[in-house]
Amino acid sequence: MFYEPGVEEHNLPYDPFKACVVPRPIGWISTQSPDGISNLAPYSQFNNLSFDPPYVMFSANQTAHESRKDTVINIEATGTFVWNLATWAMRKAVNISAEQVPYGVDEFVRAGLTKEKASLVAPFMVKESPIKFECKYHSTIRLPGNPPMGTVDVIIGKVIGIHIADEVLTDGKIDVRKTEPIARCGYYEYAVIRDTFQMVIPGPSELVLYGLEGSSAKNKAQNKVS
């Protein structure tokens, strides 16, 4: 089949677009309002952008009332946020924090989660999450879309602090069999990652492999050599 989005109908009972791009990491983002009220919400359009230095991004559609999400408002006002790894063990809390509630409601409390003080930024981290990124706001890219929810704010942040629980490491590597991250699929479907396989691209130089590995240390060492 073939269709042009916004031009012609796909004629399926459910829209296929989001089900094509799967699985998507979940940006479980905690922020703080200027007056100190915590906010926590998951975003299924999230990813890393670079590794040296590390940057992440997530996109937030407008609400059904054509207003910007609380997360976006808080980040632009305060300049910081935290990404928390969403895991199988916390899937119900993630879902509770997804509900759109009035501005100023503390989702940590609603979801029964423990607040953990960050090292460098004001927003609290989810203590139960095994991996957290403290992030400094970099910029917003606003993409126009169809009302009421089509317009999207793409938030980019620089990762300035990383927390990793010792118990999720195996031989010095983060072990997904221990973290069990959940990911967004299409419709109302999610996936849990419990297994991996390894492939190394044949033939590239060590520089390319450093990039694929995401090794900032090797990248810096090579820069000194060159």
N, C-alpha and C. Protein backbone atom coordinates (compact mmCIF):
# COMPACT_ATOMS: atom_id res chain seq x y z
N MET A 1 0.84 -1.19 0.00
CA MET A 1 0.00 0.00 0.00
C MET A 1 0.88 1.24 0.00
N PHE A 2 0.30 2.35 -0.40
CA PHE A 2 0.99 3.64 -0.40
C PHE A 2 -0.06 4.72 -0.17
N TYR A 3 0.30 5.70 0.67
CA TYR A 3 -0.58 6.85 0.85
C TYR A 3 0.25 8.07 1.19
N GLU A 4 -0.29 9.23 0.92
CA GLU A 4 0.37 10.50 1.25
C GLU A 4 -0.30 11.09 2.48
N PRO A 5 0.42 11.12 3.63
CA PRO A 5 -0.18 11.64 4.86
C PRO A 5 -0.68 13.07 4.69
N GLY A 6 -1.88 13.31 5.13
CA GLY A 6 -2.47 14.64 5.03
C GLY A 6 -3.09 14.94 3.68
N VAL A 7 -2.87 14.04 2.73
CA VAL A 7 -3.40 14.25 1.38
C VAL A 7 -4.50 13.25 1.06
N GLU A 8 -4.23 12.00 1.43
CA GLU A 8 -5.21 10.95 1.17
C GLU A 8 -5.29 10.02 2.37
N GLU A 9 -6.37 9.28 2.50
CA GLU A 9 -6.57 8.37 3.62
C GLU A 9 -5.81 7.06 3.39
N HIS A 10 -5.34 6.45 4.50
CA HIS A 10 -4.66 5.17 4.39
C HIS A 10 -5.65 4.01 4.33
N ASN A 11 -6.90 4.26 4.73
CA ASN A 11 -7.98 3.28 4.66
C ASN A 11 -7.75 2.04 5.53
N LEU A 12 -6.95 2.19 6.55
CA LEU A 12 -6.80 1.14 7.56
C LEU A 12 -7.63 1.54 8.78
N PRO A 13 -8.05 0.58 9.60
CA PRO A 13 -8.84 0.94 10.78
C PRO A 13 -8.06 1.71 11.83
N TYR A 14 -6.72 1.61 11.78
CA TYR A 14 -5.88 2.34 12.73
C TYR A 14 -4.73 3.00 11.96
N ASP A 15 -4.35 4.20 12.40
CA ASP A 15 -3.28 4.91 11.72
C ASP A 15 -1.95 4.17 11.91
N PRO A 16 -1.21 3.85 10.83
CA PRO A 16 -0.03 3.00 10.95
C PRO A 16 1.27 3.73 11.27
N PHE A 17 1.32 5.06 11.19
CA PHE A 17 2.60 5.76 11.22
C PHE A 17 3.44 5.43 12.45
N LYS A 18 2.89 5.62 13.64
CA LYS A 18 3.67 5.40 14.85
C LYS A 18 4.04 3.93 15.03
N ALA A 19 3.27 3.04 14.46
CA ALA A 19 3.58 1.61 14.56
C ALA A 19 4.71 1.20 13.63
N CYS A 20 5.09 2.09 12.72
CA CYS A 20 6.19 1.80 11.80
C CYS A 20 7.54 2.08 12.45
N VAL A 21 7.59 3.08 13.31
CA VAL A 21 8.85 3.51 13.92
C VAL A 21 8.91 2.94 15.34
N VAL A 22 9.37 1.71 15.46
CA VAL A 22 9.37 1.02 16.76
C VAL A 22 10.63 0.16 16.91
N PRO A 23 11.00 -0.15 18.14
CA PRO A 23 10.47 0.42 19.38
C PRO A 23 11.12 1.78 19.65
N ARG A 24 10.41 2.64 20.35
CA ARG A 24 10.93 3.97 20.64
C ARG A 24 11.28 4.07 22.13
N PRO A 25 12.50 4.54 22.45
CA PRO A 25 12.84 4.76 23.86
C PRO A 25 11.87 5.76 24.49
N ILE A 26 11.68 5.64 25.78
CA ILE A 26 10.77 6.52 26.48
C ILE A 26 11.55 7.59 27.24
N GLY A 27 11.22 8.84 26.98
CA GLY A 27 11.82 9.93 27.72
C GLY A 27 10.97 10.22 28.95
N TRP A 28 11.34 9.64 30.08
CA TRP A 28 10.60 9.87 31.32
C TRP A 28 11.24 11.08 31.97
N ILE A 29 10.64 12.24 31.76
CA ILE A 29 11.27 13.51 32.05
C ILE A 29 10.71 14.14 33.33
N SER A 30 11.61 14.44 34.26
CA SER A 30 11.20 15.15 35.47
C SER A 30 11.71 16.59 35.40
N THR A 31 10.84 17.50 35.81
CA THR A 31 11.16 18.93 35.78
C THR A 31 10.67 19.56 37.08
N GLN A 32 10.95 20.83 37.21
CA GLN A 32 10.48 21.60 38.36
C GLN A 32 10.01 22.96 37.88
N SER A 33 8.86 23.40 38.37
CA SER A 33 8.35 24.71 37.99
C SER A 33 9.17 25.79 38.68
N PRO A 34 9.08 27.03 38.23
CA PRO A 34 9.84 28.11 38.87
C PRO A 34 9.54 28.26 40.36
N ASP A 35 8.34 27.86 40.79
CA ASP A 35 8.01 27.96 42.22
C ASP A 35 8.23 26.64 42.96
N GLY A 36 8.96 25.69 42.32
CA GLY A 36 9.43 24.51 43.03
C GLY A 36 8.52 23.30 43.03
N ILE A 37 7.50 23.26 42.18
CA ILE A 37 6.60 22.11 42.12
C ILE A 37 7.14 21.10 41.11
N SER A 38 7.22 19.84 41.52
CA SER A 38 7.78 18.79 40.66
C SER A 38 6.77 18.33 39.61
N ASN A 39 7.30 17.90 38.47
CA ASN A 39 6.49 17.36 37.39
C ASN A 39 7.22 16.17 36.80
N LEU A 40 6.48 15.15 36.39
CA LEU A 40 7.07 13.95 35.80
C LEU A 40 6.15 13.43 34.71
N ALA A 41 6.70 13.19 33.51
CA ALA A 41 5.87 12.73 32.41
C ALA A 41 6.70 11.94 31.40
N PRO A 42 6.12 10.89 30.79
CA PRO A 42 6.83 10.11 29.77
C PRO A 42 6.56 10.64 28.36
N TYR A 43 7.59 10.61 27.53
CA TYR A 43 7.48 11.01 26.13
C TYR A 43 8.06 9.91 25.25
N SER A 44 7.25 9.42 24.32
CA SER A 44 7.67 8.26 23.53
C SER A 44 8.45 8.64 22.29
N GLN A 45 8.69 9.93 22.10
CA GLN A 45 9.53 10.38 20.99
C GLN A 45 10.78 11.01 21.60
N PHE A 46 11.72 10.13 21.96
CA PHE A 46 12.91 10.50 22.72
C PHE A 46 14.11 9.75 22.15
N ASN A 47 15.28 10.39 22.19
CA ASN A 47 16.50 9.68 21.80
C ASN A 47 17.74 10.50 22.15
N ASN A 48 18.90 9.86 22.02
CA ASN A 48 20.16 10.59 22.16
C ASN A 48 20.53 11.17 20.79
N LEU A 49 21.32 12.24 20.81
CA LEU A 49 21.70 12.91 19.58
C LEU A 49 23.19 12.83 19.29
N SER A 50 24.00 12.81 20.34
CA SER A 50 25.44 12.77 20.17
C SER A 50 26.05 12.21 21.45
N PHE A 51 27.39 11.98 21.43
CA PHE A 51 28.00 11.35 22.59
C PHE A 51 29.17 12.15 23.18
N ASP A 52 29.76 13.10 22.45
CA ASP A 52 30.91 13.83 22.97
C ASP A 52 30.84 15.30 22.58
N PRO A 53 30.11 16.13 23.34
CA PRO A 53 29.42 15.79 24.59
C PRO A 53 28.06 15.16 24.30
N PRO A 54 27.48 14.50 25.30
CA PRO A 54 26.19 13.84 25.09
C PRO A 54 25.02 14.82 25.08
N TYR A 55 24.16 14.67 24.09
CA TYR A 55 22.92 15.44 24.00
C TYR A 55 21.75 14.48 23.85
N VAL A 56 20.60 14.87 24.37
CA VAL A 56 19.38 14.09 24.18
C VAL A 56 18.28 15.02 23.69
N MET A 57 17.21 14.43 23.17
CA MET A 57 16.07 15.21 22.72
C MET A 57 14.79 14.45 23.00
N PHE A 58 13.71 15.21 23.14
CA PHE A 58 12.39 14.60 23.15
C PHE A 58 11.42 15.59 22.53
N SER A 59 10.33 15.09 22.00
CA SER A 59 9.34 15.98 21.40
C SER A 59 8.02 15.84 22.15
N ALA A 60 7.37 16.97 22.35
CA ALA A 60 6.12 17.03 23.09
C ALA A 60 5.05 17.70 22.24
N ASN A 61 4.03 16.94 21.88
CA ASN A 61 2.90 17.53 21.16
C ASN A 61 2.10 18.44 22.09
N GLN A 62 1.36 19.35 21.52
CA GLN A 62 0.46 20.18 22.32
C GLN A 62 -0.65 19.32 22.90
N THR A 63 -1.33 19.84 23.91
CA THR A 63 -2.45 19.13 24.51
C THR A 63 -3.69 19.26 23.63
N ALA A 64 -4.74 18.56 24.01
CA ALA A 64 -6.00 18.63 23.27
C ALA A 64 -6.63 20.01 23.37
N HIS A 65 -6.14 20.83 24.31
CA HIS A 65 -6.63 22.20 24.45
C HIS A 65 -5.71 23.21 23.77
N GLU A 66 -4.79 22.69 22.93
CA GLU A 66 -3.86 23.51 22.16
C GLU A 66 -2.91 24.32 23.05
N SER A 67 -2.52 23.74 24.17
CA SER A 67 -1.55 24.39 25.05
C SER A 67 -0.27 23.56 25.10
N ARG A 68 0.82 24.18 25.48
CA ARG A 68 2.10 23.48 25.57
C ARG A 68 2.12 22.63 26.82
N LYS A 69 2.89 21.53 26.76
CA LYS A 69 2.97 20.62 27.89
C LYS A 69 3.69 21.28 29.07
N ASP A 70 3.31 20.84 30.28
CA ASP A 70 3.93 21.37 31.50
C ASP A 70 5.44 21.18 31.47
N THR A 71 5.88 20.04 30.95
CA THR A 71 7.31 19.74 30.89
C THR A 71 8.06 20.81 30.11
N VAL A 72 7.53 21.17 28.96
CA VAL A 72 8.16 22.18 28.10
C VAL A 72 8.20 23.53 28.79
N ILE A 73 7.07 23.90 29.40
CA ILE A 73 6.99 25.19 30.11
C ILE A 73 8.05 25.26 31.20
N ASN A 74 8.17 24.18 31.99
CA ASN A 74 9.12 24.17 33.10
C ASN A 74 10.57 24.22 32.62
N ILE A 75 10.89 23.47 31.58
CA ILE A 75 12.27 23.42 31.09
C ILE A 75 12.70 24.77 30.55
N GLU A 76 11.85 25.40 29.76
CA GLU A 76 12.21 26.69 29.20
C GLU A 76 12.32 27.77 30.29
N ALA A 77 11.54 27.62 31.35
CA ALA A 77 11.55 28.61 32.42
C ALA A 77 12.74 28.44 33.37
N THR A 78 13.17 27.18 33.57
CA THR A 78 14.22 26.92 34.58
C THR A 78 15.55 26.49 33.99
N GLY A 79 15.55 25.95 32.77
CA GLY A 79 16.80 25.61 32.10
C GLY A 79 17.39 24.25 32.41
N THR A 80 16.65 23.37 33.12
CA THR A 80 17.18 22.04 33.43
C THR A 80 16.06 21.00 33.43
N PHE A 81 16.45 19.74 33.29
CA PHE A 81 15.52 18.62 33.42
C PHE A 81 16.30 17.35 33.68
N VAL A 82 15.59 16.28 33.99
CA VAL A 82 16.20 14.97 34.24
C VAL A 82 15.50 13.93 33.39
N TRP A 83 16.29 13.07 32.76
CA TRP A 83 15.73 11.88 32.11
C TRP A 83 15.93 10.69 33.03
N ASN A 84 14.85 9.92 33.24
CA ASN A 84 14.88 8.72 34.07
C ASN A 84 14.54 7.51 33.21
N LEU A 85 15.32 6.45 33.32
CA LEU A 85 15.04 5.25 32.54
C LEU A 85 13.73 4.62 32.98
N ALA A 86 12.82 4.41 32.04
CA ALA A 86 11.54 3.75 32.31
C ALA A 86 11.73 2.24 32.18
N THR A 87 11.40 1.50 33.22
CA THR A 87 11.66 0.07 33.26
C THR A 87 10.37 -0.73 33.44
N TRP A 88 10.51 -2.03 33.19
CA TRP A 88 9.38 -2.96 33.35
C TRP A 88 8.81 -2.89 34.77
N ALA A 89 9.69 -2.83 35.76
CA ALA A 89 9.23 -2.82 37.15
C ALA A 89 8.41 -1.58 37.47
N MET A 90 8.63 -0.49 36.74
CA MET A 90 7.92 0.76 37.02
C MET A 90 6.89 1.12 35.95
N ARG A 91 6.50 0.15 35.14
CA ARG A 91 5.61 0.42 34.02
C ARG A 91 4.29 1.07 34.46
N LYS A 92 3.74 0.62 35.60
CA LYS A 92 2.47 1.19 36.06
C LYS A 92 2.65 2.65 36.49
N ALA A 93 3.76 2.94 37.14
CA ALA A 93 4.04 4.32 37.54
C ALA A 93 4.24 5.21 36.33
N VAL A 94 4.92 4.68 35.30
CA VAL A 94 5.11 5.43 34.06
C VAL A 94 3.76 5.79 33.46
N ASN A 95 2.86 4.84 33.45
CA ASN A 95 1.54 5.06 32.86
C ASN A 95 0.72 6.07 33.67
N ILE A 96 0.82 5.99 34.99
CA ILE A 96 0.11 6.96 35.84
C ILE A 96 0.63 8.38 35.58
N SER A 97 1.95 8.50 35.42
CA SER A 97 2.53 9.83 35.21
C SER A 97 2.22 10.38 33.82
N ALA A 98 1.67 9.54 32.94
CA ALA A 98 1.32 9.99 31.59
C ALA A 98 0.00 10.74 31.55
N GLU A 99 -0.82 10.56 32.58
CA GLU A 99 -2.14 11.21 32.57
C GLU A 99 -1.99 12.73 32.60
N GLN A 100 -2.74 13.41 31.77
CA GLN A 100 -2.69 14.86 31.73
C GLN A 100 -3.56 15.43 32.84
N VAL A 101 -2.89 16.02 33.80
CA VAL A 101 -3.57 16.60 34.97
C VAL A 101 -3.28 18.10 34.99
N PRO A 102 -3.99 18.87 35.82
CA PRO A 102 -3.77 20.32 35.85
C PRO A 102 -2.34 20.68 36.21
N TYR A 103 -1.89 21.81 35.69
CA TYR A 103 -0.54 22.30 35.95
C TYR A 103 -0.34 22.48 37.45
N GLY A 104 0.78 22.00 37.95
CA GLY A 104 1.07 22.11 39.37
C GLY A 104 0.84 20.84 40.15
N VAL A 105 0.25 19.81 39.54
CA VAL A 105 0.06 18.53 40.21
C VAL A 105 1.38 17.76 40.20
N ASP A 106 1.77 17.19 41.32
CA ASP A 106 3.03 16.47 41.46
C ASP A 106 2.84 15.00 41.10
N GLU A 107 3.37 14.59 39.93
CA GLU A 107 3.20 13.21 39.48
C GLU A 107 4.03 12.21 40.29
N PHE A 108 5.09 12.66 40.93
CA PHE A 108 5.83 11.77 41.82
C PHE A 108 4.89 11.22 42.89
N VAL A 109 4.10 12.11 43.46
CA VAL A 109 3.16 11.73 44.52
C VAL A 109 2.06 10.84 43.96
N ARG A 110 1.48 11.22 42.83
CA ARG A 110 0.38 10.45 42.22
C ARG A 110 0.81 9.03 41.87
N ALA A 111 2.07 8.87 41.43
CA ALA A 111 2.55 7.56 41.00
C ALA A 111 3.23 6.77 42.11
N GLY A 112 3.33 7.35 43.31
CA GLY A 112 3.93 6.66 44.43
C GLY A 112 5.43 6.47 44.30
N LEU A 113 6.11 7.44 43.72
CA LEU A 113 7.55 7.34 43.47
C LEU A 113 8.34 8.16 44.49
N THR A 114 9.60 7.77 44.67
CA THR A 114 10.47 8.44 45.62
C THR A 114 11.31 9.51 44.93
N LYS A 115 11.31 10.71 45.48
CA LYS A 115 12.14 11.78 44.92
C LYS A 115 13.57 11.63 45.41
N GLU A 116 14.50 11.76 44.48
CA GLU A 116 15.93 11.70 44.81
C GLU A 116 16.58 13.00 44.35
N LYS A 117 17.31 13.64 45.24
CA LYS A 117 17.95 14.91 44.90
C LYS A 117 19.04 14.69 43.86
N ALA A 118 19.03 15.52 42.83
CA ALA A 118 20.06 15.45 41.80
C ALA A 118 21.33 16.14 42.30
N SER A 119 22.42 15.94 41.58
CA SER A 119 23.71 16.52 41.98
C SER A 119 23.94 17.92 41.43
N LEU A 120 23.41 18.18 40.21
CA LEU A 120 23.75 19.42 39.52
C LEU A 120 22.55 20.27 39.13
N VAL A 121 21.36 19.69 39.14
CA VAL A 121 20.18 20.42 38.68
C VAL A 121 19.10 20.39 39.76
N ALA A 122 18.11 21.26 39.63
CA ALA A 122 17.07 21.39 40.65
C ALA A 122 16.01 20.28 40.60
N PRO A 123 15.58 19.82 39.41
CA PRO A 123 14.53 18.81 39.40
C PRO A 123 14.96 17.52 40.10
N PHE A 124 14.00 16.88 40.76
CA PHE A 124 14.28 15.61 41.41
C PHE A 124 14.38 14.49 40.39
N MET A 125 15.11 13.44 40.75
CA MET A 125 15.20 12.23 39.95
C MET A 125 14.26 11.18 40.55
N VAL A 126 13.90 10.17 39.74
CA VAL A 126 13.14 9.03 40.24
C VAL A 126 14.12 8.07 40.89
N LYS A 127 14.07 7.95 42.20
CA LYS A 127 15.04 7.13 42.91
C LYS A 127 15.00 5.68 42.46
N GLU A 128 13.81 5.17 42.15
CA GLU A 128 13.66 3.77 41.77
C GLU A 128 14.24 3.45 40.39
N SER A 129 14.50 4.47 39.59
CA SER A 129 15.05 4.25 38.25
C SER A 129 16.56 3.99 38.33
N PRO A 130 17.07 2.98 37.63
CA PRO A 130 18.48 2.62 37.75
C PRO A 130 19.45 3.53 36.99
N ILE A 131 18.93 4.32 36.05
CA ILE A 131 19.79 5.20 35.26
C ILE A 131 19.10 6.55 35.10
N LYS A 132 19.85 7.62 35.37
CA LYS A 132 19.29 8.97 35.25
C LYS A 132 20.30 9.90 34.60
N PHE A 133 19.82 10.82 33.77
CA PHE A 133 20.64 11.87 33.17
C PHE A 133 20.19 13.23 33.72
N GLU A 134 21.13 13.99 34.25
CA GLU A 134 20.85 15.38 34.58
C GLU A 134 21.18 16.22 33.35
N CYS A 135 20.24 17.05 32.94
CA CYS A 135 20.38 17.75 31.66
C CYS A 135 20.21 19.26 31.78
N LYS A 136 20.99 19.96 30.98
CA LYS A 136 20.90 21.41 30.87
C LYS A 136 20.21 21.75 29.54
N TYR A 137 19.19 22.55 29.61
CA TYR A 137 18.42 22.93 28.42
C TYR A 137 19.30 23.62 27.40
N HIS A 138 19.18 23.19 26.14
CA HIS A 138 19.94 23.80 25.06
C HIS A 138 19.05 24.64 24.16
N SER A 139 17.97 24.05 23.62
CA SER A 139 17.14 24.79 22.67
C SER A 139 15.83 24.07 22.43
N THR A 140 14.92 24.81 21.80
CA THR A 140 13.63 24.25 21.38
C THR A 140 13.46 24.46 19.89
N ILE A 141 13.06 23.41 19.22
CA ILE A 141 12.68 23.51 17.81
C ILE A 141 11.16 23.29 17.75
N ARG A 142 10.44 24.27 17.25
CA ARG A 142 8.98 24.17 17.21
C ARG A 142 8.53 23.81 15.81
N LEU A 143 7.89 22.65 15.70
CA LEU A 143 7.42 22.16 14.40
C LEU A 143 5.93 22.42 14.27
N PRO A 144 5.52 23.12 13.22
CA PRO A 144 4.09 23.41 13.05
C PRO A 144 3.32 22.15 12.68
N GLY A 145 2.09 22.09 13.12
CA GLY A 145 1.25 20.93 12.81
C GLY A 145 -0.21 21.30 12.84
N ASN A 146 -1.03 20.31 12.62
CA ASN A 146 -2.48 20.54 12.57
C ASN A 146 -3.07 20.57 13.98
N PRO A 147 -3.95 21.52 14.25
CA PRO A 147 -4.57 21.59 15.58
C PRO A 147 -5.51 20.40 15.79
N PRO A 148 -5.77 20.06 17.06
CA PRO A 148 -5.25 20.75 18.24
C PRO A 148 -3.89 20.26 18.74
N MET A 149 -3.50 19.02 18.36
CA MET A 149 -2.30 18.44 18.98
C MET A 149 -1.11 18.30 18.05
N GLY A 150 -1.24 18.71 16.80
CA GLY A 150 -0.18 18.45 15.83
C GLY A 150 1.11 19.22 16.06
N THR A 151 1.01 20.45 16.54
CA THR A 151 2.22 21.25 16.76
C THR A 151 3.06 20.62 17.86
N VAL A 152 4.38 20.59 17.65
CA VAL A 152 5.25 19.87 18.58
C VAL A 152 6.46 20.74 18.95
N ASP A 153 6.86 20.62 20.22
CA ASP A 153 8.08 21.25 20.71
C ASP A 153 9.15 20.18 20.85
N VAL A 154 10.25 20.33 20.12
CA VAL A 154 11.37 19.42 20.24
C VAL A 154 12.39 20.05 21.18
N ILE A 155 12.59 19.44 22.32
CA ILE A 155 13.49 19.97 23.34
C ILE A 155 14.83 19.25 23.25
N ILE A 156 15.91 20.02 23.18
CA ILE A 156 17.27 19.45 23.15
C ILE A 156 17.99 19.85 24.43
N GLY A 157 18.63 18.87 25.06
CA GLY A 157 19.35 19.15 26.29
C GLY A 157 20.73 18.50 26.29
N LYS A 158 21.67 19.16 26.94
CA LYS A 158 23.02 18.61 27.10
C LYS A 158 23.07 17.83 28.40
N VAL A 159 23.57 16.60 28.33
CA VAL A 159 23.68 15.76 29.52
C VAL A 159 24.92 16.19 30.31
N ILE A 160 24.70 16.65 31.54
CA ILE A 160 25.83 17.13 32.34
C ILE A 160 26.11 16.24 33.55
N GLY A 161 25.26 15.25 33.78
CA GLY A 161 25.49 14.32 34.88
C GLY A 161 24.77 13.02 34.62
N ILE A 162 25.44 11.89 34.88
CA ILE A 162 24.87 10.57 34.63
C ILE A 162 24.96 9.72 35.89
N HIS A 163 23.84 9.12 36.28
CA HIS A 163 23.77 8.23 37.44
C HIS A 163 23.47 6.81 36.94
N ILE A 164 24.28 5.86 37.34
CA ILE A 164 24.07 4.45 36.97
C ILE A 164 24.17 3.60 38.23
N ALA A 165 23.15 2.82 38.51
CA ALA A 165 23.17 1.95 39.69
C ALA A 165 24.14 0.80 39.45
N ASP A 166 24.97 0.51 40.44
CA ASP A 166 25.97 -0.55 40.31
C ASP A 166 25.35 -1.90 39.97
N GLU A 167 24.17 -2.16 40.47
CA GLU A 167 23.57 -3.49 40.30
C GLU A 167 23.11 -3.79 38.88
N VAL A 168 23.10 -2.78 37.99
CA VAL A 168 22.69 -3.07 36.61
C VAL A 168 23.90 -3.24 35.69
N LEU A 169 25.10 -3.28 36.26
CA LEU A 169 26.31 -3.48 35.47
C LEU A 169 26.74 -4.94 35.50
N THR A 170 27.21 -5.41 34.35
CA THR A 170 27.80 -6.74 34.23
C THR A 170 29.10 -6.60 33.45
N ASP A 171 30.22 -6.90 34.07
CA ASP A 171 31.54 -6.78 33.44
C ASP A 171 31.77 -5.37 32.89
N GLY A 172 31.31 -4.38 33.63
CA GLY A 172 31.55 -3.00 33.23
C GLY A 172 30.61 -2.45 32.18
N LYS A 173 29.60 -3.22 31.79
CA LYS A 173 28.63 -2.77 30.79
C LYS A 173 27.24 -2.74 31.40
N ILE A 174 26.43 -1.78 30.95
CA ILE A 174 25.02 -1.77 31.36
C ILE A 174 24.34 -2.99 30.76
N ASP A 175 23.67 -3.74 31.60
CA ASP A 175 23.06 -5.02 31.22
C ASP A 175 21.55 -4.84 31.09
N VAL A 176 21.03 -4.88 29.86
CA VAL A 176 19.59 -4.67 29.68
C VAL A 176 18.77 -5.79 30.29
N ARG A 177 19.40 -6.94 30.52
CA ARG A 177 18.68 -8.03 31.19
C ARG A 177 18.39 -7.66 32.64
N LYS A 178 19.15 -6.69 33.16
CA LYS A 178 18.94 -6.21 34.53
C LYS A 178 18.08 -4.94 34.57
N THR A 179 18.26 -4.06 33.60
CA THR A 179 17.47 -2.83 33.60
C THR A 179 16.05 -3.06 33.07
N GLU A 180 15.88 -3.97 32.14
CA GLU A 180 14.58 -4.26 31.52
C GLU A 180 13.84 -2.98 31.11
N PRO A 181 14.44 -2.19 30.22
CA PRO A 181 13.77 -0.97 29.78
C PRO A 181 12.52 -1.28 28.97
N ILE A 182 11.52 -0.42 29.10
CA ILE A 182 10.34 -0.57 28.27
C ILE A 182 10.41 0.45 27.13
N ALA A 183 9.76 0.13 26.04
CA ALA A 183 9.80 0.98 24.85
C ALA A 183 8.40 1.08 24.27
N ARG A 184 8.15 2.16 23.59
CA ARG A 184 6.83 2.41 23.00
C ARG A 184 6.77 1.81 21.61
N CYS A 185 5.69 1.14 21.34
CA CYS A 185 5.44 0.62 19.99
C CYS A 185 4.24 1.37 19.41
N GLY A 186 3.49 0.74 18.53
CA GLY A 186 2.34 1.42 17.96
C GLY A 186 1.09 1.24 18.79
N TYR A 187 0.10 2.10 18.51
CA TYR A 187 -1.21 1.99 19.16
C TYR A 187 -1.05 2.07 20.67
N TYR A 188 -1.52 1.08 21.44
CA TYR A 188 -1.34 1.09 22.89
C TYR A 188 -0.34 0.02 23.32
N GLU A 189 0.55 -0.35 22.42
CA GLU A 189 1.48 -1.45 22.67
C GLU A 189 2.84 -0.95 23.14
N TYR A 190 3.43 -1.72 24.04
CA TYR A 190 4.78 -1.47 24.54
C TYR A 190 5.60 -2.74 24.38
N ALA A 191 6.91 -2.59 24.49
CA ALA A 191 7.81 -3.75 24.47
C ALA A 191 8.74 -3.64 25.67
N VAL A 192 9.24 -4.78 26.12
CA VAL A 192 10.26 -4.78 27.16
C VAL A 192 11.50 -5.45 26.58
N ILE A 193 12.66 -4.85 26.79
CA ILE A 193 13.90 -5.35 26.22
C ILE A 193 14.62 -6.20 27.26
N ARG A 194 14.78 -7.48 26.93
CA ARG A 194 15.46 -8.40 27.86
C ARG A 194 16.61 -9.16 27.20
N ASP A 195 16.80 -8.95 25.92
CA ASP A 195 17.84 -9.69 25.22
C ASP A 195 18.44 -8.81 24.13
N THR A 196 19.69 -9.08 23.78
CA THR A 196 20.36 -8.32 22.73
C THR A 196 21.20 -9.27 21.89
N PHE A 197 21.63 -8.80 20.73
CA PHE A 197 22.63 -9.52 19.94
C PHE A 197 23.64 -8.49 19.44
N GLN A 198 24.80 -8.94 19.06
CA GLN A 198 25.89 -8.03 18.71
C GLN A 198 26.26 -8.15 17.25
N MET A 199 26.48 -7.01 16.60
CA MET A 199 27.01 -6.96 15.24
C MET A 199 28.01 -5.82 15.16
N VAL A 200 29.17 -6.07 14.58
CA VAL A 200 30.18 -5.05 14.36
C VAL A 200 30.28 -4.81 12.86
N ILE A 201 30.16 -3.57 12.42
CA ILE A 201 30.22 -3.26 10.99
C ILE A 201 31.58 -3.69 10.44
N PRO A 202 31.60 -4.45 9.36
CA PRO A 202 32.88 -4.89 8.81
C PRO A 202 33.63 -3.77 8.11
N GLY A 203 34.93 -3.71 8.34
CA GLY A 203 35.80 -2.84 7.56
C GLY A 203 36.05 -1.43 8.00
N PRO A 204 35.31 -0.86 8.99
CA PRO A 204 35.54 0.55 9.27
C PRO A 204 36.83 0.78 10.06
N SER A 205 37.28 2.01 10.07
CA SER A 205 38.46 2.36 10.84
C SER A 205 38.11 2.38 12.33
N GLU A 206 39.17 2.44 13.15
CA GLU A 206 38.94 2.50 14.59
C GLU A 206 38.16 3.75 14.98
N LEU A 207 38.34 4.83 14.23
CA LEU A 207 37.62 6.06 14.53
C LEU A 207 36.11 5.86 14.41
N VAL A 208 35.71 5.15 13.36
CA VAL A 208 34.29 4.88 13.17
C VAL A 208 33.76 4.01 14.31
N LEU A 209 34.53 3.02 14.70
CA LEU A 209 34.11 2.13 15.78
C LEU A 209 33.99 2.89 17.10
N TYR A 210 34.88 3.84 17.34
CA TYR A 210 34.78 4.65 18.55
C TYR A 210 33.45 5.39 18.59
N GLY A 211 33.06 5.91 17.41
CA GLY A 211 31.79 6.62 17.34
C GLY A 211 30.60 5.71 17.56
N LEU A 212 30.65 4.53 16.95
CA LEU A 212 29.56 3.57 17.11
C LEU A 212 29.47 3.09 18.56
N GLU A 213 30.62 2.96 19.19
CA GLU A 213 30.66 2.55 20.59
C GLU A 213 30.21 3.69 21.51
N GLY A 214 30.37 4.90 21.01
CA GLY A 214 30.03 6.07 21.82
C GLY A 214 31.07 6.36 22.88
N SER A 215 32.34 6.14 22.55
CA SER A 215 33.41 6.32 23.52
C SER A 215 33.99 7.73 23.44
N SER A 216 33.61 8.57 24.38
CA SER A 216 34.14 9.93 24.41
C SER A 216 35.62 9.92 24.79
N ALA A 217 36.04 8.97 25.63
CA ALA A 217 37.45 8.89 26.04
C ALA A 217 38.34 8.60 24.83
N LYS A 218 37.96 7.62 24.00
CA LYS A 218 38.75 7.29 22.82
C LYS A 218 38.72 8.41 21.80
N ASN A 219 37.57 9.09 21.73
CA ASN A 219 37.45 10.21 20.80
C ASN A 219 38.41 11.34 21.21
N LYS A 220 38.47 11.63 22.51
CA LYS A 220 39.37 12.68 23.00
C LYS A 220 40.84 12.28 22.79
N ALA A 221 41.14 10.99 23.03
CA ALA A 221 42.52 10.52 22.85
C ALA A 221 42.96 10.66 21.41
N GLN A 222 42.06 10.34 20.48
CA GLN A 222 42.39 10.44 19.07
C GLN A 222 42.58 11.90 18.67
N ASN A 223 41.81 12.79 19.27
CA ASN A 223 41.92 14.22 18.96
C ASN A 223 43.29 14.74 19.38
N LYS A 224 43.81 14.24 20.51
CA LYS A 224 45.13 14.67 20.97
C LYS A 224 46.22 14.17 20.03
N VAL A 225 46.03 12.96 19.49
CA VAL A 225 47.03 12.38 18.57
C VAL A 225 47.08 13.15 17.27
N SER A 226 45.89 13.49 16.74
CA SER A 226 45.82 14.18 15.46
C SER A 226 46.20 15.65 15.59
